[in-house]
Protein backbone atom coordinates (compact mmCIF):
# COMPACT_ATOMS: atom_id res chain seq x y z
CA MET A 1 111.79 110.00 70.03
CA ARG A 2 115.41 109.85 68.87
CA GLN A 3 113.95 109.71 65.34
CA GLU A 4 111.18 112.50 66.11
CA PHE A 5 113.55 114.79 67.04
CA ASN A 6 116.85 113.31 65.28
CA LEU A 7 118.93 114.34 68.55
CA ASP A 8 121.75 112.23 67.31
CA SER A 9 122.41 114.28 64.09
CA LEU A 10 122.84 117.32 65.89
CA THR A 11 126.19 116.40 67.03
CA THR A 12 127.62 114.51 64.58
CA GLN A 13 127.67 114.45 60.74
CA GLY A 14 128.22 110.73 60.28
CA LEU A 15 125.95 107.29 61.33
CA GLU A 16 127.49 103.89 61.23
CA GLU A 17 125.63 100.66 60.34
CA ILE A 18 124.70 98.45 63.07
CA ASP A 19 126.06 95.16 62.65
CA PRO A 20 123.56 92.78 60.39
CA GLU A 21 123.86 89.75 62.68
CA ALA A 22 123.23 91.70 66.10
CA ARG A 23 119.16 91.26 67.44
CA VAL A 24 117.45 94.40 67.42
CA VAL A 25 113.58 95.09 68.28
CA ASN A 26 111.16 94.21 65.53
CA PRO A 27 109.92 97.34 64.33
CA GLU A 28 106.60 95.86 63.05
CA ALA A 29 106.32 94.04 66.59
CA ARG A 30 106.61 97.34 68.16
CA GLN A 31 103.87 98.95 66.13
CA LEU A 32 101.65 96.00 67.00
CA ASN A 33 102.20 96.34 70.46
CA LYS A 34 101.40 99.69 70.10
CA GLU A 35 98.21 99.21 68.40
CA MET A 36 97.17 96.50 70.84
CA LYS A 37 97.70 98.56 73.97
CA LEU A 38 95.33 101.59 71.81
CA THR A 39 92.77 98.90 71.38
CA LYS A 40 92.87 97.37 75.24
CA LEU A 41 92.56 101.11 76.38
CA ARG A 42 89.47 101.93 73.79
CA LEU A 43 87.83 98.55 74.93
CA GLY A 44 88.24 99.55 78.49
CA ARG A 45 86.82 102.62 77.82
CA LEU A 46 83.24 101.22 76.18
CA ARG A 47 83.11 98.78 79.20
CA ASN A 48 83.14 101.42 81.57
CA ARG A 49 80.30 103.13 79.44
CA LEU A 50 78.36 100.14 79.05
CA ALA A 51 78.54 99.78 82.98
CA GLU A 52 76.83 102.92 83.58
CA PRO A 53 73.00 102.17 84.70
CA ALA A 54 71.48 105.20 83.26
CA LEU A 55 72.39 104.35 79.56
CA SER A 56 69.51 104.36 77.02
CA ARG A 57 68.45 101.35 74.82
CA ASN A 58 69.80 103.21 71.70
CA VAL A 59 72.99 104.40 73.32
CA ARG A 60 73.79 100.58 75.13
CA MET A 61 73.37 99.08 71.50
CA LYS A 62 75.84 101.41 69.83
CA TYR A 63 78.35 100.76 72.65
CA GLU A 64 78.22 97.04 72.56
CA SER A 65 78.53 97.04 69.07
CA GLU A 66 81.36 99.37 69.17
CA SER A 67 82.72 97.04 71.94
CA ALA A 68 82.52 94.00 69.87
CA GLN A 69 84.24 95.36 67.19
CA ALA A 70 87.00 96.41 69.15
CA GLU A 71 87.05 93.03 70.89
CA SER A 72 87.48 91.45 67.43
CA GLU A 73 90.20 94.08 66.59
CA ALA A 74 92.30 93.04 69.52
CA GLN A 75 91.94 89.42 68.93
CA THR A 76 92.98 89.75 65.31
CA LEU A 77 96.41 91.83 66.74
CA LYS A 78 96.88 89.36 69.04
CA THR A 79 97.03 86.57 66.80
CA LYS A 80 99.63 88.90 64.41
CA LEU A 81 101.15 89.69 67.57
CA GLU A 82 101.81 86.04 68.34
CA ALA A 83 102.99 84.99 64.60
CA THR A 84 105.39 88.33 64.77
CA PRO A 85 108.88 87.59 66.26
CA THR A 86 109.69 90.37 69.09
CA HIS A 87 113.52 90.49 67.94
CA VAL A 88 115.22 89.89 64.49
CA LYS A 89 118.60 90.35 63.17
CA ASN A 90 119.23 94.03 61.89
CA GLY A 91 120.36 92.60 58.59
CA GLN A 92 116.57 90.94 58.37
CA LEU A 93 114.90 94.51 58.42
CA SER A 94 113.97 96.18 55.18
CA GLU A 95 115.81 99.41 56.53
CA PRO A 96 118.93 98.40 58.52
CA LEU A 97 119.22 100.56 61.58
CA GLN A 98 122.10 102.91 62.32
CA THR A 99 123.85 104.42 65.08
CA LEU A 100 126.22 107.06 66.05
CA PRO A 101 129.99 106.06 65.86
CA SER A 102 131.00 104.58 69.25
CA VAL A 103 133.33 106.90 70.56
CA ASP A 104 131.32 110.11 69.75
CA ARG A 105 128.34 108.33 71.40
CA LEU A 106 130.42 107.68 74.76
CA ILE A 107 131.51 111.22 74.66
CA TYR A 108 128.21 112.99 74.18
CA ASP A 109 126.31 110.71 76.33
CA THR A 110 128.98 111.74 78.93
CA ILE A 111 128.41 115.26 78.43
CA ARG A 112 124.53 114.60 78.51
CA MET A 113 124.55 112.85 81.78
CA MET A 114 127.08 115.81 83.35
CA ALA A 115 124.42 118.33 82.18
CA TYR A 116 121.62 116.63 83.78
CA ARG A 117 123.20 116.05 87.16
CA THR A 118 124.14 119.24 87.45
CA GLU A 119 120.35 120.58 86.38
CA VAL A 120 119.25 118.25 89.44
CA SER A 121 121.48 118.96 92.36
CA ILE A 122 120.93 122.75 91.22
CA ILE A 123 117.10 122.30 91.49
CA ALA A 124 117.72 120.55 94.54
CA LYS A 125 119.31 123.31 95.88
CA VAL A 126 116.91 125.59 94.82
CA MET A 127 113.80 123.71 96.14
CA SER A 128 115.82 123.31 99.68
CA CYS A 129 116.19 127.18 99.94
CA ASN A 130 112.78 127.88 99.13
CA TYR A 131 111.88 125.37 101.51
CA ILE A 132 114.16 126.63 104.28
CA SER A 133 113.01 130.33 103.62
CA SER A 134 109.09 129.25 103.75
CA ILE A 135 109.73 127.46 107.21
CA ILE A 136 111.41 130.79 108.50
CA GLN A 137 108.82 133.24 107.05
CA PHE A 138 105.99 130.60 108.58
CA LYS A 139 107.54 131.18 112.25
CA VAL A 140 108.01 134.79 112.16
């Protein structure tokens, strides 16, 4: 989400490099995990369709071939995932990760946390007022 909306750049101009020796999540492993989950989800859907008793022979054969293809794809992804380390040093990445300056990040995180807590407490009060008013209206 940070990369999509670039939320951190809204509050500050500069970014600082993360220590090259710091261990970070490998983006390649993250992408392979995502592809693996999607493949397993597709495979599950195909298996559910195959379990339907009222399928015609042509449709069943189509689903069986798609299922076999998805299984081979899942196996390939599994071997790639096993060979890919889940964490690497930041210096080993082709594009090292960056972060907000630590002092600014603490201040902005504190402000965001206070805003979130305020929002939650307001919603709780509004919900309790609506609940009490609905009880009063129901009894009258």
